Amino acid sequence: MKRNRLEELRIRMNALILNNDPQLICNFTAHMYGVSKFCTLLALKRKLNPELAATCGMLHDIYYMTGGNSEEHALIR
């Protein structure tokens, strides 16, 4: 059975974040999939592309999850 694009992204994202300690892995996956689900629900409500919204939700913190600096993460200026 061929995987869809979103499932392929999930596999790749899981592989990226598994290089961290167990607590961070738990935090990252809970946050990533929670945001992805929320983005999907918003897209459905607004009659937009749910796959694209879920993808954006999964990728929104990729820099931080792969070891980037998070000191000013989510800082509003």
N, C-alpha and C. Protein backbone atom coordinates (compact mmCIF):
# COMPACT_ATOMS: atom_id res chain seq x y z
N MET A 1 0.85 -1.19 0.00
CA MET A 1 0.00 0.00 0.00
C MET A 1 0.89 1.25 0.00
N LYS A 2 0.59 2.16 -0.88
CA LYS A 2 1.37 3.39 -0.98
C LYS A 2 0.97 4.37 0.12
N ARG A 3 2.00 4.97 0.76
CA ARG A 3 1.73 5.96 1.80
C ARG A 3 1.39 7.30 1.16
N ASN A 4 0.54 8.06 1.84
CA ASN A 4 0.25 9.41 1.35
C ASN A 4 1.35 10.37 1.80
N ARG A 5 1.31 11.58 1.30
CA ARG A 5 2.37 12.56 1.60
C ARG A 5 2.46 12.90 3.07
N LEU A 6 1.33 13.01 3.73
CA LEU A 6 1.33 13.36 5.15
C LEU A 6 1.94 12.24 6.00
N GLU A 7 1.64 11.01 5.66
CA GLU A 7 2.23 9.88 6.39
C GLU A 7 3.74 9.83 6.16
N GLU A 8 4.17 10.12 4.96
CA GLU A 8 5.61 10.16 4.66
C GLU A 8 6.29 11.25 5.48
N LEU A 9 5.65 12.42 5.59
CA LEU A 9 6.20 13.51 6.40
C LEU A 9 6.28 13.10 7.87
N ARG A 10 5.25 12.44 8.38
CA ARG A 10 5.27 11.98 9.77
C ARG A 10 6.46 11.06 10.04
N ILE A 11 6.71 10.15 9.13
CA ILE A 11 7.84 9.23 9.28
C ILE A 11 9.16 9.99 9.31
N ARG A 12 9.31 10.94 8.42
CA ARG A 12 10.56 11.72 8.35
C ARG A 12 10.73 12.62 9.58
N MET A 13 9.65 13.23 10.04
CA MET A 13 9.73 14.09 11.22
C MET A 13 10.07 13.26 12.46
N ASN A 14 9.45 12.10 12.60
CA ASN A 14 9.76 11.23 13.74
C ASN A 14 11.24 10.84 13.73
N ALA A 15 11.77 10.54 12.56
CA ALA A 15 13.19 10.19 12.46
C ALA A 15 14.08 11.36 12.87
N LEU A 16 13.69 12.58 12.52
CA LEU A 16 14.49 13.76 12.89
C LEU A 16 14.51 13.99 14.39
N ILE A 17 13.38 13.84 15.04
CA ILE A 17 13.33 14.19 16.46
C ILE A 17 13.77 13.05 17.37
N LEU A 18 13.94 11.84 16.84
CA LEU A 18 14.37 10.72 17.68
C LEU A 18 15.83 10.81 18.09
N ASN A 19 16.54 11.83 17.64
CA ASN A 19 17.94 12.03 18.03
C ASN A 19 18.05 12.84 19.32
N ASN A 20 16.99 12.99 20.07
CA ASN A 20 16.97 13.78 21.30
C ASN A 20 16.73 12.87 22.51
N ASP A 21 16.81 13.46 23.71
CA ASP A 21 16.55 12.66 24.90
C ASP A 21 15.05 12.35 24.99
N PRO A 22 14.69 11.29 25.70
CA PRO A 22 13.30 10.83 25.73
C PRO A 22 12.27 11.88 26.14
N GLN A 23 12.58 12.74 27.10
CA GLN A 23 11.62 13.76 27.51
C GLN A 23 11.37 14.76 26.39
N LEU A 24 12.42 15.17 25.70
CA LEU A 24 12.25 16.09 24.57
C LEU A 24 11.46 15.45 23.45
N ILE A 25 11.71 14.18 23.19
CA ILE A 25 10.97 13.47 22.15
C ILE A 25 9.48 13.51 22.47
N CYS A 26 9.14 13.24 23.72
CA CYS A 26 7.74 13.27 24.15
C CYS A 26 7.15 14.66 23.97
N ASN A 27 7.88 15.68 24.40
CA ASN A 27 7.40 17.06 24.27
C ASN A 27 7.24 17.46 22.81
N PHE A 28 8.25 17.16 22.00
CA PHE A 28 8.20 17.53 20.58
C PHE A 28 7.04 16.87 19.86
N THR A 29 6.87 15.56 20.07
CA THR A 29 5.81 14.87 19.35
C THR A 29 4.43 15.35 19.80
N ALA A 30 4.24 15.53 21.09
CA ALA A 30 2.94 16.02 21.57
C ALA A 30 2.64 17.39 20.99
N HIS A 31 3.62 18.28 20.99
CA HIS A 31 3.43 19.63 20.45
C HIS A 31 3.20 19.59 18.94
N MET A 32 4.07 18.87 18.23
CA MET A 32 4.00 18.83 16.77
C MET A 32 2.65 18.28 16.30
N TYR A 33 2.22 17.16 16.86
CA TYR A 33 0.97 16.56 16.42
C TYR A 33 -0.25 17.33 16.92
N GLY A 34 -0.14 17.96 18.07
CA GLY A 34 -1.24 18.79 18.56
C GLY A 34 -1.46 20.00 17.67
N VAL A 35 -0.38 20.68 17.30
CA VAL A 35 -0.48 21.83 16.40
C VAL A 35 -0.99 21.39 15.03
N SER A 36 -0.49 20.27 14.55
CA SER A 36 -0.92 19.75 13.26
C SER A 36 -2.42 19.47 13.25
N LYS A 37 -2.91 18.86 14.30
CA LYS A 37 -4.35 18.55 14.41
C LYS A 37 -5.17 19.84 14.47
N PHE A 38 -4.70 20.81 15.24
CA PHE A 38 -5.40 22.09 15.35
C PHE A 38 -5.44 22.79 13.99
N CYS A 39 -4.33 22.78 13.27
CA CYS A 39 -4.28 23.40 11.94
C CYS A 39 -5.26 22.71 10.99
N THR A 40 -5.35 21.39 11.09
CA THR A 40 -6.28 20.64 10.25
C THR A 40 -7.72 21.05 10.54
N LEU A 41 -8.06 21.15 11.81
CA LEU A 41 -9.42 21.56 12.19
C LEU A 41 -9.75 22.96 11.70
N LEU A 42 -8.79 23.88 11.82
CA LEU A 42 -9.01 25.24 11.32
C LEU A 42 -9.23 25.25 9.82
N ALA A 43 -8.43 24.47 9.10
CA ALA A 43 -8.56 24.40 7.65
C ALA A 43 -9.92 23.85 7.25
N LEU A 44 -10.36 22.80 7.92
CA LEU A 44 -11.67 22.23 7.60
C LEU A 44 -12.78 23.24 7.87
N LYS A 45 -12.68 23.95 8.97
CA LYS A 45 -13.70 24.95 9.31
C LYS A 45 -13.76 26.06 8.27
N ARG A 46 -12.61 26.43 7.72
CA ARG A 46 -12.55 27.52 6.75
C ARG A 46 -12.56 27.04 5.30
N LYS A 47 -12.81 25.75 5.13
CA LYS A 47 -12.88 25.13 3.80
C LYS A 47 -11.58 25.32 3.01
N LEU A 48 -10.46 25.09 3.71
CA LEU A 48 -9.13 25.16 3.11
C LEU A 48 -8.55 23.75 3.04
N ASN A 49 -7.37 23.62 2.50
CA ASN A 49 -6.73 22.32 2.31
C ASN A 49 -6.21 21.76 3.65
N PRO A 50 -6.85 20.72 4.19
CA PRO A 50 -6.43 20.19 5.49
C PRO A 50 -5.06 19.52 5.46
N GLU A 51 -4.69 18.90 4.33
CA GLU A 51 -3.37 18.27 4.24
C GLU A 51 -2.26 19.32 4.31
N LEU A 52 -2.44 20.41 3.60
CA LEU A 52 -1.46 21.49 3.62
C LEU A 52 -1.37 22.11 5.02
N ALA A 53 -2.51 22.31 5.65
CA ALA A 53 -2.53 22.88 7.00
C ALA A 53 -1.83 21.95 8.00
N ALA A 54 -2.10 20.65 7.91
CA ALA A 54 -1.44 19.68 8.80
C ALA A 54 0.07 19.69 8.59
N THR A 55 0.48 19.78 7.34
CA THR A 55 1.91 19.84 7.01
C THR A 55 2.55 21.07 7.62
N CYS A 56 1.92 22.21 7.48
CA CYS A 56 2.44 23.45 8.07
C CYS A 56 2.55 23.32 9.59
N GLY A 57 1.55 22.73 10.21
CA GLY A 57 1.58 22.53 11.66
C GLY A 57 2.73 21.65 12.10
N MET A 58 3.01 20.60 11.32
CA MET A 58 4.11 19.70 11.68
C MET A 58 5.47 20.35 11.49
N LEU A 59 5.59 21.23 10.51
CA LEU A 59 6.89 21.82 10.18
C LEU A 59 7.17 23.14 10.88
N HIS A 60 6.21 23.70 11.59
CA HIS A 60 6.37 25.07 12.09
C HIS A 60 7.53 25.23 13.09
N ASP A 61 7.95 24.18 13.76
CA ASP A 61 9.06 24.26 14.73
C ASP A 61 10.23 23.37 14.34
N ILE A 62 10.37 23.03 13.08
CA ILE A 62 11.40 22.07 12.67
C ILE A 62 12.81 22.54 13.04
N TYR A 63 13.09 23.82 12.93
CA TYR A 63 14.42 24.33 13.28
C TYR A 63 14.71 24.08 14.76
N TYR A 64 13.77 24.42 15.59
CA TYR A 64 13.91 24.22 17.04
C TYR A 64 14.04 22.74 17.38
N MET A 65 13.23 21.89 16.77
CA MET A 65 13.23 20.46 17.09
C MET A 65 14.49 19.74 16.63
N THR A 66 15.20 20.32 15.69
CA THR A 66 16.42 19.67 15.19
C THR A 66 17.67 20.32 15.74
N GLY A 67 17.55 21.00 16.87
CA GLY A 67 18.72 21.52 17.56
C GLY A 67 18.98 23.00 17.42
N GLY A 68 18.08 23.72 16.80
CA GLY A 68 18.26 25.16 16.65
C GLY A 68 18.07 25.90 17.96
N ASN A 69 18.51 27.12 18.01
CA ASN A 69 18.41 27.97 19.19
C ASN A 69 16.94 28.32 19.45
N SER A 70 16.51 28.11 20.68
CA SER A 70 15.11 28.39 21.01
C SER A 70 14.96 29.52 22.02
N GLU A 71 16.03 30.28 22.25
CA GLU A 71 15.97 31.35 23.26
C GLU A 71 14.86 32.35 22.98
N GLU A 72 14.68 32.73 21.74
CA GLU A 72 13.66 33.72 21.40
C GLU A 72 12.48 33.08 20.69
N HIS A 73 12.28 31.80 20.94
CA HIS A 73 11.17 31.08 20.31
C HIS A 73 9.84 31.70 20.74
N ALA A 74 9.02 31.99 19.78
CA ALA A 74 7.68 32.54 20.01
C ALA A 74 7.71 33.93 20.65
N LEU A 75 8.81 34.63 20.53
CA LEU A 75 8.92 35.98 21.07
C LEU A 75 8.18 36.96 20.15
N ILE A 76 7.32 37.74 20.73
CA ILE A 76 6.58 38.76 19.96
C ILE A 76 7.27 40.09 20.17
N ARG A 77 7.61 40.73 19.09
CA ARG A 77 8.29 42.03 19.17
C ARG A 77 7.38 43.13 18.71
